[in-house]
Amino acid sequence: MGVFIIRNNINDKIFVGASLNLPGIINRHKFALQHGSHASPSLQSDWNKFGSNSFSFEIVDELTPRSQSGVDYKQELDLLEKLWLERLEPFGERGYNEKKISRAERLRRIASRRHE
């Protein structure tokens, strides 16, 4: 479990993600990209344009399981991912991630759409 990066080796744009199962999530991203169904349209577009050999998959941080019970690894991963997103800022011209919005902002947007 940990944080990974998908790096475009042509333009150095990156996608940052985290998972409890790094091999599984990396395989899922590769599968989606190879089948043209990745959730990030800009990453999918560059994958189609530059080809799979222009991308690398890197593990940048790992969490080691601890022996104590009750550890919330999901919460720890969320924090770790947030730290890497703040550090690398993979948004816009620098990357493929979308900025995450708060729950309050998401609810505000839903409410504003209802009044349109």
C-alpha atoms as a PDB file:
ATOM      1  CA  MET A   1       0.000   0.000   0.000  1.00  0.00           C
ATOM      2  CA  GLY A   2       1.207   3.476  -0.795  1.00  0.00           C
ATOM      3  CA  VAL A   3       1.428   6.275  -3.341  1.00  0.00           C
ATOM      4  CA  PHE A   4       2.273   5.846  -7.029  1.00  0.00           C
ATOM      5  CA  ILE A   5       2.905   8.051 -10.033  1.00  0.00           C
ATOM      6  CA  ILE A   6       2.157   7.547 -13.703  1.00  0.00           C
ATOM      7  CA  ARG A   7       4.773   9.649 -15.500  1.00  0.00           C
ATOM      8  CA  ASN A   8       4.674  10.824 -19.107  1.00  0.00           C
ATOM      9  CA  ASN A   9       8.369  10.643 -20.018  1.00  0.00           C
ATOM     10  CA  ILE A  10       7.842  12.945 -23.030  1.00  0.00           C
ATOM     11  CA  ASN A  11       6.370  16.015 -21.312  1.00  0.00           C
ATOM     12  CA  ASP A  12       7.017  15.038 -17.649  1.00  0.00           C
ATOM     13  CA  LYS A  13       3.340  15.380 -16.679  1.00  0.00           C
ATOM     14  CA  ILE A  14       2.304  13.066 -13.854  1.00  0.00           C
ATOM     15  CA  PHE A  15      -0.728  11.429 -12.307  1.00  0.00           C
ATOM     16  CA  VAL A  16      -0.564  10.791  -8.543  1.00  0.00           C
ATOM     17  CA  GLY A  17      -2.669   8.135  -6.822  1.00  0.00           C
ATOM     18  CA  ALA A  18      -2.763   5.976  -3.705  1.00  0.00           C
ATOM     19  CA  SER A  19      -4.072   2.528  -2.912  1.00  0.00           C
ATOM     20  CA  LEU A  20      -4.138  -0.201  -0.302  1.00  0.00           C
ATOM     21  CA  ASN A  21      -3.048  -2.539  -3.131  1.00  0.00           C
ATOM     22  CA  LEU A  22      -0.331  -0.951  -5.288  1.00  0.00           C
ATOM     23  CA  PRO A  23       0.143  -3.821  -7.774  1.00  0.00           C
ATOM     24  CA  GLY A  24      -3.633  -4.044  -8.241  1.00  0.00           C
ATOM     25  CA  ILE A  25      -4.190  -0.315  -8.798  1.00  0.00           C
ATOM     26  CA  ILE A  26      -1.264  -0.027 -11.193  1.00  0.00           C
ATOM     27  CA  ASN A  27      -2.634  -2.958 -13.206  1.00  0.00           C
ATOM     28  CA  ARG A  28      -6.082  -1.338 -13.187  1.00  0.00           C
ATOM     29  CA  HIS A  29      -4.677   1.940 -14.548  1.00  0.00           C
ATOM     30  CA  LYS A  30      -2.663   0.113 -17.223  1.00  0.00           C
ATOM     31  CA  PHE A  31      -5.729  -1.880 -18.266  1.00  0.00           C
ATOM     32  CA  ALA A  32      -7.920   1.225 -18.477  1.00  0.00           C
ATOM     33  CA  LEU A  33      -5.302   3.101 -20.506  1.00  0.00           C
ATOM     34  CA  GLN A  34      -4.744   0.190 -22.877  1.00  0.00           C
ATOM     35  CA  HIS A  35      -8.493  -0.088 -23.466  1.00  0.00           C
ATOM     36  CA  GLY A  36      -9.140   3.636 -23.851  1.00  0.00           C
ATOM     37  CA  SER A  37     -11.272   3.933 -20.730  1.00  0.00           C
ATOM     38  CA  HIS A  38      -9.142   5.816 -18.200  1.00  0.00           C
ATOM     39  CA  ALA A  39     -10.988   8.232 -15.898  1.00  0.00           C
ATOM     40  CA  SER A  40      -8.574  11.058 -16.803  1.00  0.00           C
ATOM     41  CA  PRO A  41      -9.343  12.213 -20.359  1.00  0.00           C
ATOM     42  CA  SER A  42      -6.073  14.166 -20.628  1.00  0.00           C
ATOM     43  CA  LEU A  43      -3.972  11.188 -19.486  1.00  0.00           C
ATOM     44  CA  GLN A  44      -5.845   8.920 -21.888  1.00  0.00           C
ATOM     45  CA  SER A  45      -5.315  11.393 -24.720  1.00  0.00           C
ATOM     46  CA  ASP A  46      -1.561  11.590 -24.115  1.00  0.00           C
ATOM     47  CA  TRP A  47      -1.350   7.780 -23.774  1.00  0.00           C
ATOM     48  CA  ASN A  48      -3.053   7.445 -27.161  1.00  0.00           C
ATOM     49  CA  LYS A  49      -0.824  10.144 -28.687  1.00  0.00           C
ATOM     50  CA  PHE A  50       2.585   9.088 -27.317  1.00  0.00           C
ATOM     51  CA  GLY A  51       2.076   5.357 -26.753  1.00  0.00           C
ATOM     52  CA  SER A  52       2.568   3.122 -23.729  1.00  0.00           C
ATOM     53  CA  ASN A  53       6.366   3.106 -24.000  1.00  0.00           C
ATOM     54  CA  SER A  54       6.374   6.836 -23.202  1.00  0.00           C
ATOM     55  CA  PHE A  55       4.982   6.244 -19.697  1.00  0.00           C
ATOM     56  CA  SER A  56       6.432   4.853 -16.498  1.00  0.00           C
ATOM     57  CA  PHE A  57       4.727   3.667 -13.318  1.00  0.00           C
ATOM     58  CA  GLU A  58       6.590   4.497 -10.122  1.00  0.00           C
ATOM     59  CA  ILE A  59       5.941   3.767  -6.463  1.00  0.00           C
ATOM     60  CA  VAL A  60       7.014   6.879  -4.543  1.00  0.00           C
ATOM     61  CA  ASP A  61       5.936   6.025  -0.992  1.00  0.00           C
ATOM     62  CA  GLU A  62       4.872   2.877   0.827  1.00  0.00           C
ATOM     63  CA  LEU A  63       3.143   2.202   4.125  1.00  0.00           C
ATOM     64  CA  THR A  64       4.364  -0.810   6.054  1.00  0.00           C
ATOM     65  CA  PRO A  65       1.667  -2.766   7.888  1.00  0.00           C
ATOM     66  CA  ARG A  66       2.002  -2.582  11.662  1.00  0.00           C
ATOM     67  CA  SER A  67       1.293  -5.405  14.092  1.00  0.00           C
ATOM     68  CA  GLN A  68      -1.190  -3.432  16.181  1.00  0.00           C
ATOM     69  CA  SER A  69      -4.874  -3.830  15.366  1.00  0.00           C
ATOM     70  CA  GLY A  70      -7.286  -1.055  14.535  1.00  0.00           C
ATOM     71  CA  VAL A  71      -4.928   0.946  12.315  1.00  0.00           C
ATOM     72  CA  ASP A  72      -6.890   2.951   9.737  1.00  0.00           C
ATOM     73  CA  TYR A  73      -4.622   2.516   6.717  1.00  0.00           C
ATOM     74  CA  LYS A  74      -7.165   4.158   4.406  1.00  0.00           C
ATOM     75  CA  GLN A  75      -7.005   7.348   6.463  1.00  0.00           C
ATOM     76  CA  GLU A  76      -3.200   7.214   6.530  1.00  0.00           C
ATOM     77  CA  LEU A  77      -3.124   6.716   2.742  1.00  0.00           C
ATOM     78  CA  ASP A  78      -5.478   9.647   2.194  1.00  0.00           C
ATOM     79  CA  LEU A  79      -3.136  11.875   4.201  1.00  0.00           C
ATOM     80  CA  LEU A  80      -0.054  10.534   2.414  1.00  0.00           C
ATOM     81  CA  GLU A  81      -1.666  11.087  -0.995  1.00  0.00           C
ATOM     82  CA  LYS A  82      -2.654  14.622   0.003  1.00  0.00           C
ATOM     83  CA  LEU A  83       0.961  15.363   1.010  1.00  0.00           C
ATOM     84  CA  TRP A  84       2.267  14.110  -2.351  1.00  0.00           C
ATOM     85  CA  LEU A  85      -0.385  16.101  -4.236  1.00  0.00           C
ATOM     86  CA  GLU A  86       0.643  19.252  -2.354  1.00  0.00           C
ATOM     87  CA  ARG A  87       4.329  18.541  -2.957  1.00  0.00           C
ATOM     88  CA  LEU A  88       4.125  17.694  -6.666  1.00  0.00           C
ATOM     89  CA  GLU A  89       1.082  19.780  -7.701  1.00  0.00           C
ATOM     90  CA  PRO A  90       0.138  17.519 -10.645  1.00  0.00           C
ATOM     91  CA  PHE A  91      -2.622  19.813 -11.893  1.00  0.00           C
ATOM     92  CA  GLY A  92      -3.160  21.669 -15.158  1.00  0.00           C
ATOM     93  CA  GLU A  93       0.008  21.872 -17.236  1.00  0.00           C
ATOM     94  CA  ARG A  94       1.980  19.912 -14.619  1.00  0.00           C
ATOM     95  CA  GLY A  95      -0.141  16.811 -14.462  1.00  0.00           C
ATOM     96  CA  TYR A  96      -3.288  14.810 -14.951  1.00  0.00           C
ATOM     97  CA  ASN A  97      -4.917  15.077 -11.517  1.00  0.00           C
ATOM     98  CA  GLU A  98      -8.003  17.163 -10.855  1.00  0.00           C
ATOM     99  CA  LYS A  99      -8.030  19.210  -7.678  1.00  0.00           C
ATOM    100  CA  LYS A 100     -10.228  17.539  -5.106  1.00  0.00           C
ATOM    101  CA  ILE A 101     -13.016  19.671  -3.772  1.00  0.00           C
ATOM    102  CA  SER A 102     -14.302  19.617  -0.206  1.00  0.00           C
ATOM    103  CA  ARG A 103     -17.590  18.006   0.729  1.00  0.00           C
ATOM    104  CA  ALA A 104     -19.006  21.452   1.498  1.00  0.00           C
ATOM    105  CA  GLU A 105     -18.035  22.745  -1.966  1.00  0.00           C
ATOM    106  CA  ARG A 106     -19.489  19.653  -3.651  1.00  0.00           C
ATOM    107  CA  LEU A 107     -22.808  20.171  -1.797  1.00  0.00           C
ATOM    108  CA  ARG A 108     -22.805  23.885  -2.687  1.00  0.00           C
ATOM    109  CA  ARG A 109     -22.379  23.029  -6.388  1.00  0.00           C
ATOM    110  CA  ILE A 110     -25.210  20.480  -6.259  1.00  0.00           C
ATOM    111  CA  ALA A 111     -27.489  22.988  -4.575  1.00  0.00           C
ATOM    112  CA  SER A 112     -26.667  25.702  -7.119  1.00  0.00           C
ATOM    113  CA  ARG A 113     -27.501  23.349 -10.007  1.00  0.00           C
ATOM    114  CA  ARG A 114     -30.918  22.649  -8.505  1.00  0.00           C
ATOM    115  CA  HIS A 115     -31.732  26.354  -8.589  1.00  0.00           C
ATOM    116  CA  GLU A 116     -30.800  26.817 -12.258  1.00  0.00           C
END
